[in-house]
Amino acid sequence: MPTRRRYLVAAVSAALAGCGFTVEERTVTGDSGGTPTGGGPSTGSTRTGSPATPLTVSTSAFEDGETIPSEYTGAGADRSPPLTVESVPEDGETLALVVDDPDANGFVHWLLWNVPATVDEIPADVPQGETVPALDGARQGTNGFGELGYRGPLPPEGDGPHTYRFTMSAVSTTLDLDAGAERGALESALAENVLDTHRITGEFER
């Protein structure tokens, strides 16, 4: 086995004549509502923790800082991208992931936690739902669209490229946090339990 290694406004357009709804991220100038998990700048590869055993997250879907392919966005198939995790600290018990958009005041696209630290590959197209059986029952939280699991980038048309952050944390324990929790609850549960963090970014515009 390999070594374990952006005031938010969400504009909701409800088509009551049908059954569905469409939500787009909206960006307004104003203060950030909080510090994203992992902290640091909104672009580029960022990490915390011990440089001797750096946690690393990567994806075969796109290069760090480059364009996210349409199939992993709300403009395409809206599949979650595959992620590879390496160099999880030896005392790490689980992994937690936050995917957000700092250009929309940290609009949340995915919350995932209690992934076993032994997992080195999070597959593409993780289904929405409270838990992920393929990841030993890892739990998913409520994203900015009000849904459980992954929803891909969908910035306003003509708004220019938004940056999307994929922040992975190695956690020293299994979090006692119910599925469906929102970002604030996840961050509170992670407090003092994060051993190392690594972030990659991707961009997308419509």
N, C-alpha and C. Protein backbone atom coordinates (compact mmCIF):
# COMPACT_ATOMS: atom_id res chain seq x y z
N MET A 1 0.87 -1.19 0.00
CA MET A 1 0.00 0.00 0.00
C MET A 1 0.89 1.22 0.00
N PRO A 2 0.53 2.29 -0.76
CA PRO A 2 1.35 3.50 -0.78
C PRO A 2 1.41 4.10 0.62
N THR A 3 2.43 4.93 0.89
CA THR A 3 2.57 5.59 2.18
C THR A 3 1.37 6.46 2.45
N ARG A 4 0.83 6.38 3.74
CA ARG A 4 -0.40 7.12 4.00
C ARG A 4 -0.12 8.62 4.10
N ARG A 5 -0.30 8.87 3.43
CA ARG A 5 0.01 10.27 3.31
C ARG A 5 -1.30 11.23 3.44
N ARG A 6 -12.93 30.36 -1.43
CA ARG A 6 -13.96 33.27 -0.91
C ARG A 6 -16.02 34.13 0.50
N TYR A 7 -19.61 38.94 2.26
CA TYR A 7 -21.01 38.59 2.45
C TYR A 7 -21.39 37.54 1.39
N LEU A 8 -21.55 36.20 1.61
CA LEU A 8 -22.09 35.17 0.71
C LEU A 8 -23.54 35.45 0.46
N VAL A 9 -23.92 35.42 -0.84
CA VAL A 9 -25.34 35.43 -1.19
C VAL A 9 -25.56 34.24 -2.08
N ALA A 10 -26.50 33.39 -1.79
CA ALA A 10 -26.85 32.30 -2.69
C ALA A 10 -28.18 32.67 -3.32
N ALA A 11 -28.16 32.88 -4.66
CA ALA A 11 -29.39 33.23 -5.35
C ALA A 11 -30.09 31.96 -5.75
N VAL A 12 -31.28 31.79 -5.23
CA VAL A 12 -32.01 30.56 -5.50
C VAL A 12 -33.14 30.86 -6.47
N SER A 13 -33.11 30.18 -7.61
CA SER A 13 -34.13 30.38 -8.63
C SER A 13 -35.03 29.17 -8.61
N ALA A 14 -36.24 29.31 -8.07
CA ALA A 14 -37.12 28.16 -7.89
C ALA A 14 -38.17 28.12 -8.98
N ALA A 15 -38.17 27.04 -9.74
CA ALA A 15 -39.15 26.87 -10.81
C ALA A 15 -40.31 26.07 -10.25
N LEU A 16 -41.29 26.78 -9.72
CA LEU A 16 -42.40 26.11 -9.05
C LEU A 16 -43.29 25.36 -10.02
N ALA A 17 -43.16 25.68 -11.29
CA ALA A 17 -43.95 24.95 -12.27
C ALA A 17 -43.43 23.53 -12.42
N GLY A 18 -42.19 23.32 -11.97
CA GLY A 18 -41.61 21.99 -12.07
C GLY A 18 -41.24 21.49 -10.70
N CYS A 19 -40.38 20.51 -10.67
CA CYS A 19 -40.02 19.90 -9.41
C CYS A 19 -38.65 20.34 -8.93
N GLY A 20 -37.84 20.86 -9.84
CA GLY A 20 -36.45 21.12 -9.47
C GLY A 20 -36.21 22.57 -9.14
N PHE A 21 -34.92 22.84 -8.87
CA PHE A 21 -34.53 24.22 -8.63
C PHE A 21 -33.09 24.38 -9.06
N THR A 22 -32.74 25.61 -9.32
CA THR A 22 -31.38 25.92 -9.74
C THR A 22 -30.79 26.92 -8.78
N VAL A 23 -29.59 26.67 -8.33
CA VAL A 23 -28.92 27.59 -7.43
C VAL A 23 -27.60 27.98 -8.04
N GLU A 24 -27.30 29.27 -8.03
CA GLU A 24 -26.00 29.74 -8.48
C GLU A 24 -25.32 30.47 -7.34
N GLU A 25 -24.00 30.40 -7.30
CA GLU A 25 -23.25 31.18 -6.35
C GLU A 25 -23.37 32.64 -6.75
N ARG A 26 -23.44 33.53 -5.78
CA ARG A 26 -23.44 34.95 -6.04
C ARG A 26 -22.39 35.60 -5.17
N THR A 27 -21.63 36.52 -5.72
CA THR A 27 -20.57 37.15 -4.99
C THR A 27 -20.88 38.62 -4.75
N VAL A 28 -20.74 39.06 -3.50
CA VAL A 28 -20.95 40.46 -3.19
C VAL A 28 -19.75 40.94 -2.40
N THR A 29 -19.36 42.16 -2.61
CA THR A 29 -18.23 42.69 -1.87
C THR A 29 -18.60 42.81 -0.40
N GLY A 30 -17.76 42.35 0.46
CA GLY A 30 -18.04 42.45 1.89
C GLY A 30 -17.10 41.59 2.67
N ASP A 31 -17.27 41.57 3.99
CA ASP A 31 -16.40 40.81 4.87
C ASP A 31 -16.60 39.33 4.70
N SER A 32 -15.54 38.60 4.88
CA SER A 32 -15.64 37.15 4.88
C SER A 32 -16.39 36.71 6.12
N GLY A 33 -17.17 35.65 5.94
CA GLY A 33 -17.94 35.15 7.07
C GLY A 33 -17.15 34.27 8.00
N GLY A 34 -15.90 33.99 7.67
CA GLY A 34 -15.12 33.15 8.56
C GLY A 34 -13.87 32.67 7.87
N THR A 35 -13.02 32.04 8.61
CA THR A 35 -11.78 31.53 8.07
C THR A 35 -11.97 30.12 7.58
N PRO A 36 -11.69 29.87 6.31
CA PRO A 36 -11.87 28.53 5.77
C PRO A 36 -10.96 27.53 6.47
N THR A 37 -11.40 26.30 6.53
CA THR A 37 -10.58 25.27 7.10
C THR A 37 -9.22 25.24 6.43
N GLY A 38 -8.19 25.23 7.18
CA GLY A 38 -6.84 25.21 6.64
C GLY A 38 -6.24 26.59 6.57
N GLY A 39 -7.05 27.68 6.55
CA GLY A 39 -6.53 29.04 6.52
C GLY A 39 -5.68 29.29 5.30
N GLY A 40 -4.90 30.37 5.34
CA GLY A 40 -3.95 30.64 4.28
C GLY A 40 -4.57 31.33 3.11
N PRO A 41 -3.77 31.57 2.09
CA PRO A 41 -4.25 32.28 0.90
C PRO A 41 -5.28 31.48 0.15
N SER A 42 -6.04 32.19 -0.71
CA SER A 42 -7.15 31.53 -1.39
C SER A 42 -6.71 30.77 -2.62
N THR A 43 -5.49 30.98 -3.05
CA THR A 43 -5.03 30.26 -4.23
C THR A 43 -3.70 29.58 -3.93
N GLY A 44 -3.38 28.60 -4.74
CA GLY A 44 -2.12 27.91 -4.60
C GLY A 44 -2.19 26.77 -3.61
N SER A 45 -1.16 25.97 -3.59
CA SER A 45 -1.07 24.83 -2.71
C SER A 45 -0.63 25.30 -1.33
N THR A 46 -1.40 24.99 -0.30
CA THR A 46 -1.15 25.48 1.05
C THR A 46 -1.17 24.32 2.02
N ARG A 47 -0.28 24.37 3.02
CA ARG A 47 -0.29 23.30 4.00
C ARG A 47 0.02 23.82 5.39
N THR A 48 -0.34 23.02 6.38
CA THR A 48 0.08 23.25 7.74
C THR A 48 0.62 21.95 8.27
N GLY A 49 1.22 21.99 9.42
CA GLY A 49 1.69 20.75 10.03
C GLY A 49 3.17 20.54 9.84
N SER A 50 3.61 19.34 10.10
CA SER A 50 5.02 19.02 10.08
C SER A 50 5.56 18.87 8.67
N PRO A 51 6.61 19.64 8.30
CA PRO A 51 7.18 19.50 6.97
C PRO A 51 7.89 18.18 6.78
N ALA A 52 8.20 17.49 7.89
CA ALA A 52 8.90 16.22 7.79
C ALA A 52 8.00 15.12 7.24
N THR A 53 6.72 15.19 7.53
CA THR A 53 5.77 14.20 7.04
C THR A 53 4.55 14.92 6.46
N PRO A 54 4.73 15.62 5.35
CA PRO A 54 3.64 16.45 4.81
C PRO A 54 2.50 15.65 4.21
N LEU A 55 1.32 15.89 4.75
CA LEU A 55 0.11 15.34 4.15
C LEU A 55 -0.02 15.92 2.74
N THR A 56 -0.43 15.12 1.81
CA THR A 56 -0.58 15.58 0.43
C THR A 56 -1.89 15.10 -0.15
N VAL A 57 -2.63 16.04 -0.78
CA VAL A 57 -3.82 15.69 -1.53
C VAL A 57 -3.62 16.15 -2.96
N SER A 58 -4.05 15.36 -3.90
CA SER A 58 -3.92 15.69 -5.31
C SER A 58 -5.07 15.06 -6.07
N THR A 59 -5.21 15.42 -7.34
CA THR A 59 -6.24 14.83 -8.18
C THR A 59 -5.71 14.62 -9.58
N SER A 60 -6.13 13.56 -10.18
CA SER A 60 -5.76 13.29 -11.57
C SER A 60 -6.65 14.05 -12.54
N ALA A 61 -7.69 14.72 -12.02
CA ALA A 61 -8.67 15.41 -12.87
C ALA A 61 -8.16 16.74 -13.41
N PHE A 62 -7.27 17.41 -12.64
CA PHE A 62 -6.72 18.69 -13.07
C PHE A 62 -5.47 18.99 -12.26
N GLU A 63 -4.61 19.87 -12.83
CA GLU A 63 -3.41 20.27 -12.13
C GLU A 63 -3.75 21.32 -11.07
N ASP A 64 -3.03 21.31 -9.98
CA ASP A 64 -3.24 22.29 -8.92
C ASP A 64 -3.19 23.71 -9.49
N GLY A 65 -4.25 24.49 -9.26
CA GLY A 65 -4.32 25.88 -9.73
C GLY A 65 -4.85 26.03 -11.13
N GLU A 66 -5.12 24.94 -11.80
CA GLU A 66 -5.59 24.99 -13.18
C GLU A 66 -7.12 24.83 -13.26
N THR A 67 -7.63 24.79 -14.50
CA THR A 67 -9.07 24.73 -14.74
C THR A 67 -9.67 23.37 -14.37
N ILE A 68 -10.79 23.41 -13.68
CA ILE A 68 -11.51 22.18 -13.35
C ILE A 68 -12.34 21.77 -14.56
N PRO A 69 -12.20 20.57 -15.05
CA PRO A 69 -13.00 20.12 -16.19
C PRO A 69 -14.50 20.21 -15.92
N SER A 70 -15.27 20.51 -16.96
CA SER A 70 -16.70 20.74 -16.84
C SER A 70 -17.44 19.58 -16.19
N GLU A 71 -16.99 18.36 -16.39
CA GLU A 71 -17.73 17.22 -15.84
C GLU A 71 -17.77 17.21 -14.32
N TYR A 72 -16.85 17.93 -13.69
CA TYR A 72 -16.82 18.00 -12.24
C TYR A 72 -17.47 19.27 -11.72
N THR A 73 -18.27 19.95 -12.56
CA THR A 73 -18.92 21.21 -12.20
C THR A 73 -20.43 21.12 -12.39
N GLY A 74 -21.14 22.14 -11.87
CA GLY A 74 -22.58 22.20 -12.03
C GLY A 74 -23.00 22.48 -13.46
N ALA A 75 -22.05 22.88 -14.31
CA ALA A 75 -22.34 23.11 -15.72
C ALA A 75 -22.19 21.83 -16.52
N GLY A 76 -21.72 20.78 -15.86
CA GLY A 76 -21.53 19.49 -16.55
C GLY A 76 -22.21 18.38 -15.80
N ALA A 77 -21.51 17.27 -15.63
CA ALA A 77 -22.10 16.10 -14.97
C ALA A 77 -22.18 16.24 -13.46
N ASP A 78 -21.49 17.24 -12.90
CA ASP A 78 -21.53 17.51 -11.46
C ASP A 78 -21.05 16.32 -10.65
N ARG A 79 -19.99 15.68 -11.12
CA ARG A 79 -19.37 14.57 -10.39
C ARG A 79 -18.25 15.11 -9.51
N SER A 80 -18.05 14.53 -8.37
CA SER A 80 -16.89 14.89 -7.57
C SER A 80 -15.64 14.32 -8.23
N PRO A 81 -14.52 15.06 -8.19
CA PRO A 81 -13.29 14.55 -8.81
C PRO A 81 -12.62 13.51 -7.92
N PRO A 82 -11.83 12.64 -8.52
CA PRO A 82 -11.07 11.68 -7.72
C PRO A 82 -9.97 12.40 -6.96
N LEU A 83 -9.67 11.94 -5.76
CA LEU A 83 -8.63 12.55 -4.94
C LEU A 83 -7.69 11.47 -4.42
N THR A 84 -6.41 11.79 -4.44
CA THR A 84 -5.40 10.90 -3.90
C THR A 84 -4.83 11.53 -2.64
N VAL A 85 -4.71 10.73 -1.59
CA VAL A 85 -4.18 11.21 -0.32
C VAL A 85 -2.91 10.42 0.01
N GLU A 86 -1.87 11.16 0.36
CA GLU A 86 -0.60 10.52 0.69
C GLU A 86 -0.02 11.12 1.98
N SER A 87 0.81 10.37 2.62
CA SER A 87 1.55 10.80 3.81
C SER A 87 0.67 11.26 4.96
N VAL A 88 -0.35 10.49 5.27
CA VAL A 88 -1.15 10.78 6.46
C VAL A 88 -0.29 10.48 7.69
N PRO A 89 -0.24 11.39 8.67
CA PRO A 89 0.56 11.12 9.87
C PRO A 89 0.18 9.79 10.51
N GLU A 90 1.16 9.15 11.11
CA GLU A 90 0.93 7.83 11.69
C GLU A 90 -0.16 7.84 12.75
N ASP A 91 -0.29 8.96 13.48
CA ASP A 91 -1.32 9.03 14.51
C ASP A 91 -2.63 9.59 13.99
N GLY A 92 -2.75 9.71 12.67
CA GLY A 92 -4.02 10.13 12.08
C GLY A 92 -5.01 8.98 12.08
N GLU A 93 -6.23 9.26 12.49
CA GLU A 93 -7.26 8.22 12.51
C GLU A 93 -8.25 8.38 11.36
N THR A 94 -8.57 9.63 11.01
CA THR A 94 -9.52 9.88 9.92
C THR A 94 -9.06 11.08 9.10
N LEU A 95 -9.78 11.30 8.00
CA LEU A 95 -9.55 12.43 7.11
C LEU A 95 -10.83 13.24 7.00
N ALA A 96 -10.68 14.56 6.82
CA ALA A 96 -11.82 15.45 6.62
C ALA A 96 -11.53 16.35 5.44
N LEU A 97 -12.56 16.65 4.65
CA LEU A 97 -12.41 17.45 3.44
C LEU A 97 -13.43 18.57 3.40
N VAL A 98 -12.95 19.78 3.08
CA VAL A 98 -13.82 20.92 2.84
C VAL A 98 -13.50 21.46 1.45
N VAL A 99 -14.53 21.59 0.61
CA VAL A 99 -14.38 22.20 -0.72
C VAL A 99 -15.22 23.46 -0.72
N ASP A 100 -14.57 24.61 -0.97
CA ASP A 100 -15.30 25.87 -0.93
C ASP A 100 -14.80 26.84 -1.99
N ASP A 101 -15.50 27.97 -2.10
CA ASP A 101 -15.20 29.01 -3.09
C ASP A 101 -14.96 30.33 -2.36
N PRO A 102 -13.72 30.74 -2.16
CA PRO A 102 -13.44 31.99 -1.46
C PRO A 102 -13.90 33.22 -2.23
N ASP A 103 -14.10 33.09 -3.55
CA ASP A 103 -14.61 34.20 -4.35
C ASP A 103 -16.10 34.39 -4.17
N ALA A 104 -16.75 33.50 -3.45
CA ALA A 104 -18.16 33.64 -3.08
C ALA A 104 -18.28 33.52 -1.57
N ASN A 105 -17.29 34.14 -0.88
CA ASN A 105 -17.29 34.18 0.58
C ASN A 105 -17.32 32.80 1.23
N GLY A 106 -16.57 31.90 0.63
CA GLY A 106 -16.47 30.58 1.22
C GLY A 106 -17.65 29.67 0.99
N PHE A 107 -18.40 29.90 -0.08
CA PHE A 107 -19.55 29.05 -0.42
C PHE A 107 -19.11 27.58 -0.41
N VAL A 108 -19.84 26.78 0.34
CA VAL A 108 -19.43 25.39 0.54
C VAL A 108 -19.94 24.48 -0.58
N HIS A 109 -19.05 23.70 -1.14
CA HIS A 109 -19.40 22.75 -2.18
C HIS A 109 -19.37 21.30 -1.70
N TRP A 110 -18.61 21.04 -0.64
CA TRP A 110 -18.54 19.66 -0.16
C TRP A 110 -17.96 19.63 1.24
N LEU A 111 -18.59 18.87 2.10
CA LEU A 111 -18.07 18.56 3.43
C LEU A 111 -18.07 17.05 3.59
N LEU A 112 -16.94 16.50 3.95
CA LEU A 112 -16.78 15.06 4.08
C LEU A 112 -15.84 14.79 5.25
N TRP A 113 -16.22 13.88 6.16
CA TRP A 113 -15.35 13.58 7.29
C TRP A 113 -15.50 12.13 7.71
N ASN A 114 -14.62 11.74 8.60
CA ASN A 114 -14.54 10.35 9.08
C ASN A 114 -14.20 9.37 7.97
N VAL A 115 -13.43 9.85 7.00
CA VAL A 115 -12.84 8.94 6.01
C VAL A 115 -11.68 8.24 6.72
N PRO A 116 -11.60 6.94 6.70
CA PRO A 116 -10.49 6.27 7.38
C PRO A 116 -9.14 6.75 6.88
N ALA A 117 -8.21 6.93 7.80
CA ALA A 117 -6.88 7.43 7.43
C ALA A 117 -6.12 6.46 6.54
N THR A 118 -6.56 5.22 6.50
CA THR A 118 -5.92 4.24 5.63
C THR A 118 -6.32 4.40 4.17
N VAL A 119 -7.32 5.21 3.90
CA VAL A 119 -7.78 5.42 2.52
C VAL A 119 -6.80 6.31 1.78
N ASP A 120 -6.32 5.83 0.65
CA ASP A 120 -5.42 6.67 -0.14
C ASP A 120 -6.05 7.17 -1.43
N GLU A 121 -7.24 6.69 -1.73
CA GLU A 121 -7.96 7.16 -2.92
C GLU A 121 -9.43 7.39 -2.59
N ILE A 122 -9.90 8.62 -2.80
CA ILE A 122 -11.33 8.92 -2.73
C ILE A 122 -11.82 8.91 -4.17
N PRO A 123 -12.65 7.99 -4.55
CA PRO A 123 -13.00 7.84 -5.96
C PRO A 123 -13.82 9.00 -6.49
N ALA A 124 -13.85 9.11 -7.80
CA ALA A 124 -14.70 10.11 -8.45
C ALA A 124 -16.17 9.75 -8.25
N ASP A 125 -17.02 10.75 -8.39
CA ASP A 125 -18.46 10.56 -8.38
C ASP A 125 -18.98 9.95 -7.08
N VAL A 126 -18.51 10.49 -5.96
CA VAL A 126 -19.05 10.04 -4.67
C VAL A 126 -20.52 10.44 -4.62
N PRO A 127 -21.43 9.52 -4.39
CA PRO A 127 -22.86 9.84 -4.42
C PRO A 127 -23.26 10.75 -3.26
N GLN A 128 -24.28 11.57 -3.50
CA GLN A 128 -24.83 12.38 -2.43
C GLN A 128 -25.51 11.47 -1.41
N GLY A 129 -25.58 11.95 -0.18
CA GLY A 129 -26.22 11.16 0.87
C GLY A 129 -25.54 11.39 2.19
N GLU A 130 -26.11 10.84 3.24
CA GLU A 130 -25.55 11.05 4.58
C GLU A 130 -24.20 10.37 4.75
N THR A 131 -24.08 9.17 4.26
CA THR A 131 -22.82 8.45 4.42
C THR A 131 -22.33 7.90 3.09
N VAL A 132 -21.06 7.48 3.09
CA VAL A 132 -20.44 6.92 1.89
C VAL A 132 -19.98 5.51 2.21
N PRO A 133 -20.78 4.49 1.87
CA PRO A 133 -20.42 3.11 2.19
C PRO A 133 -19.04 2.72 1.68
N ALA A 134 -18.67 3.20 0.49
CA ALA A 134 -17.38 2.84 -0.09
C ALA A 134 -16.21 3.41 0.70
N LEU A 135 -16.48 4.37 1.57
CA LEU A 135 -15.44 4.96 2.41
C LEU A 135 -15.71 4.63 3.88
N ASP A 136 -16.14 3.42 4.11
CA ASP A 136 -16.37 2.91 5.45
C ASP A 136 -17.35 3.77 6.25
N GLY A 137 -18.38 4.26 5.56
CA GLY A 137 -19.40 5.03 6.25
C GLY A 137 -19.04 6.47 6.55
N ALA A 138 -18.02 7.00 5.86
CA ALA A 138 -17.67 8.41 6.03
C ALA A 138 -18.92 9.27 5.88
N ARG A 139 -18.98 10.38 6.62
CA ARG A 139 -20.18 11.20 6.64
C ARG A 139 -20.03 12.45 5.77
N GLN A 140 -21.17 12.90 5.23
CA GLN A 140 -21.18 14.10 4.41
C GLN A 140 -22.07 15.16 5.04
N GLY A 141 -21.67 16.44 4.85
CA GLY A 141 -22.41 17.55 5.43
C GLY A 141 -23.25 18.27 4.41
N THR A 142 -23.92 19.31 4.88
CA THR A 142 -24.80 20.12 4.04
C THR A 142 -24.01 21.19 3.33
N ASN A 143 -24.08 21.20 2.00
CA ASN A 143 -23.35 22.20 1.21
C ASN A 143 -24.17 23.49 1.08
N GLY A 144 -23.61 24.48 0.36
CA GLY A 144 -24.27 25.76 0.20
C GLY A 144 -25.55 25.72 -0.60
N PHE A 145 -25.78 24.62 -1.30
CA PHE A 145 -27.01 24.44 -2.05
C PHE A 145 -28.11 23.81 -1.20
N GLY A 146 -27.78 23.49 0.05
CA GLY A 146 -28.74 22.86 0.93
C GLY A 146 -28.86 21.37 0.72
N GLU A 147 -27.86 20.75 0.11
CA GLU A 147 -27.89 19.32 -0.17
C GLU A 147 -26.75 18.61 0.54
N LEU A 148 -26.89 17.31 0.67
CA LEU A 148 -25.85 16.51 1.31
C LEU A 148 -24.88 15.99 0.26
N GLY A 149 -23.59 16.26 0.46
CA GLY A 149 -22.59 15.76 -0.44
C GLY A 149 -22.06 16.82 -1.39
N TYR A 150 -21.51 16.35 -2.48
CA TYR A 150 -20.83 17.22 -3.43
C TYR A 150 -21.77 17.90 -4.40
N ARG A 151 -21.58 19.20 -4.59
CA ARG A 151 -22.14 19.95 -5.70
C ARG A 151 -21.01 20.79 -6.28
N GLY A 152 -20.82 20.70 -7.59
CA GLY A 152 -19.67 21.32 -8.22
C GLY A 152 -19.78 22.81 -8.46
N PRO A 153 -18.70 23.40 -8.92
CA PRO A 153 -18.66 24.84 -9.22
C PRO A 153 -19.77 25.25 -10.16
N LEU A 154 -20.41 26.38 -9.85
CA LEU A 154 -21.44 26.94 -10.71
C LEU A 154 -21.50 28.46 -10.49
N PRO A 155 -20.42 29.16 -10.84
CA PRO A 155 -20.39 30.61 -10.63
C PRO A 155 -21.33 31.32 -11.59
N PRO A 156 -21.71 32.55 -11.28
CA PRO A 156 -22.57 33.30 -12.20
C PRO A 156 -21.91 33.46 -13.57
N GLU A 157 -22.71 33.40 -14.60
CA GLU A 157 -22.17 33.57 -15.95
C GLU A 157 -21.58 34.97 -16.09
N GLY A 158 -20.39 35.02 -16.68
CA GLY A 158 -19.73 36.30 -16.91
C GLY A 158 -19.03 36.87 -15.71
N ASP A 159 -18.99 36.14 -14.59
CA ASP A 159 -18.38 36.63 -13.36
C ASP A 159 -16.87 36.43 -13.34
N GLY A 160 -16.35 35.81 -14.38
CA GLY A 160 -14.92 35.50 -14.40
C GLY A 160 -14.63 34.23 -13.62
N PRO A 161 -13.38 33.82 -13.62
CA PRO A 161 -13.03 32.56 -12.95
C PRO A 161 -13.13 32.67 -11.43
N HIS A 162 -13.72 31.66 -10.82
CA HIS A 162 -13.71 31.51 -9.37
C HIS A 162 -12.68 30.44 -9.02
N THR A 163 -12.14 30.57 -7.84
CA THR A 163 -11.18 29.59 -7.34
C THR A 163 -11.89 28.64 -6.36
N TYR A 164 -11.62 27.39 -6.48
CA TYR A 164 -12.23 26.37 -5.62
C TYR A 164 -11.13 25.66 -4.85
N ARG A 165 -11.30 25.62 -3.54
CA ARG A 165 -10.28 25.06 -2.66
C ARG A 165 -10.69 23.68 -2.18
N PHE A 166 -9.79 22.76 -2.29
CA PHE A 166 -9.97 21.41 -1.79
C PHE A 166 -9.00 21.27 -0.60
N THR A 167 -9.52 21.35 0.61
CA THR A 167 -8.69 21.34 1.81
C THR A 167 -8.88 20.02 2.55
N MET A 168 -7.81 19.25 2.60
CA MET A 168 -7.84 17.96 3.27
C MET A 168 -7.11 18.05 4.60
N SER A 169 -7.70 17.49 5.65
CA SER A 169 -7.08 17.48 6.96
C SER A 169 -6.93 16.06 7.47
N ALA A 170 -5.79 15.79 8.09
CA ALA A 170 -5.59 14.55 8.81
C ALA A 170 -6.05 14.80 10.25
N VAL A 171 -6.90 13.93 10.76
CA VAL A 171 -7.55 14.14 12.06
C VAL A 171 -7.14 13.03 13.02
N SER A 172 -6.93 13.41 14.28
CA SER A 172 -6.43 12.45 15.26
C SER A 172 -7.50 11.54 15.84
N THR A 173 -8.75 11.76 15.46
CA THR A 173 -9.84 10.98 16.06
C THR A 173 -10.97 10.80 15.04
N THR A 174 -11.94 9.99 15.40
CA THR A 174 -13.18 9.89 14.63
C THR A 174 -14.14 10.90 15.21
N LEU A 175 -14.65 11.80 14.36
CA LEU A 175 -15.47 12.91 14.84
C LEU A 175 -16.88 12.44 15.23
N ASP A 176 -17.32 12.86 16.40
CA ASP A 176 -18.68 12.57 16.86
C ASP A 176 -19.59 13.68 16.34
N LEU A 177 -19.84 13.65 15.04
CA LEU A 177 -20.61 14.69 14.35
C LEU A 177 -21.57 14.02 13.39
N ASP A 178 -22.86 14.31 13.54
CA ASP A 178 -23.86 13.68 12.71
C ASP A 178 -23.77 14.12 11.27
N ALA A 179 -24.09 13.25 10.36
CA ALA A 179 -24.18 13.57 8.94
C ALA A 179 -25.18 14.70 8.75
N GLY A 180 -24.92 15.54 7.76
CA GLY A 180 -25.80 16.67 7.48
C GLY A 180 -25.38 17.94 8.17
N ALA A 181 -24.35 17.86 9.01
CA ALA A 181 -23.87 19.05 9.71
C ALA A 181 -23.36 20.09 8.72
N GLU A 182 -23.39 21.35 9.14
CA GLU A 182 -22.89 22.43 8.30
C GLU A 182 -21.44 22.74 8.65
N ARG A 183 -20.85 23.63 7.90
CA ARG A 183 -19.42 23.90 8.02
C ARG A 183 -19.00 24.31 9.43
N GLY A 184 -19.75 25.22 10.05
CA GLY A 184 -19.37 25.68 11.37
C GLY A 184 -19.26 24.55 12.38
N ALA A 185 -20.20 23.62 12.32
CA ALA A 185 -20.16 22.48 13.23
C ALA A 185 -18.96 21.59 12.95
N LEU A 186 -18.64 21.39 11.68
CA LEU A 186 -17.48 20.59 11.33
C LEU A 186 -16.20 21.25 11.83
N GLU A 187 -16.08 22.55 11.62
CA GLU A 187 -14.88 23.25 12.07
C GLU A 187 -14.73 23.18 13.59
N SER A 188 -15.84 23.26 14.31
CA SER A 188 -15.78 23.14 15.77
C SER A 188 -15.33 21.75 16.19
N ALA A 189 -15.83 20.74 15.48
CA ALA A 189 -15.44 19.37 15.80
C ALA A 189 -13.97 19.12 15.48
N LEU A 190 -13.47 19.80 14.48
CA LEU A 190 -12.07 19.62 14.09
C LEU A 190 -11.10 20.34 15.00
N ALA A 191 -11.56 21.34 15.73
CA ALA A 191 -10.68 22.15 16.56
C ALA A 191 -9.83 21.27 17.48
N GLU A 192 -8.53 21.52 17.44
CA GLU A 192 -7.55 20.81 18.26
C GLU A 192 -7.37 19.34 17.88
N ASN A 193 -8.03 18.90 16.84
CA ASN A 193 -7.89 17.50 16.42
C ASN A 193 -7.18 17.35 15.08
N VAL A 194 -6.81 18.47 14.43
CA VAL A 194 -6.16 18.40 13.12
C VAL A 194 -4.65 18.25 13.28
N LEU A 195 -4.11 17.25 12.66
CA LEU A 195 -2.68 16.99 12.72
C LEU A 195 -1.92 17.65 11.58
N ASP A 196 -2.50 17.69 10.42
CA ASP A 196 -1.85 18.26 9.24
C ASP A 196 -2.93 18.59 8.22
N THR A 197 -2.66 19.59 7.39
CA THR A 197 -3.62 20.03 6.39
C THR A 197 -2.91 20.35 5.09
N HIS A 198 -3.50 19.97 3.99
CA HIS A 198 -2.98 20.34 2.67
C HIS A 198 -4.13 20.76 1.79
N ARG A 199 -3.89 21.78 0.97
CA ARG A 199 -4.93 22.34 0.10
C ARG A 199 -4.43 22.44 -1.33
N ILE A 200 -5.29 22.08 -2.27
CA ILE A 200 -5.06 22.35 -3.68
C ILE A 200 -6.23 23.18 -4.19
N THR A 201 -6.06 23.83 -5.32
CA THR A 201 -7.12 24.67 -5.88
C THR A 201 -7.34 24.37 -7.35
N GLY A 202 -8.52 24.75 -7.81
CA GLY A 202 -8.86 24.67 -9.23
C GLY A 202 -9.70 25.88 -9.56
N GLU A 203 -9.78 26.23 -10.83
CA GLU A 203 -10.56 27.38 -11.26
C GLU A 203 -11.65 26.96 -12.25
N PHE A 204 -12.74 27.75 -12.26
CA PHE A 204 -13.80 27.49 -13.22
C PHE A 204 -14.58 28.78 -13.43
N GLU A 205 -15.00 29.03 -14.68
CA GLU A 205 -15.85 30.17 -15.00
C GLU A 205 -16.84 29.77 -16.07
N ARG A 206 -17.95 30.54 -16.15
CA ARG A 206 -18.96 30.27 -17.17
C ARG A 206 -19.11 31.51 -18.05
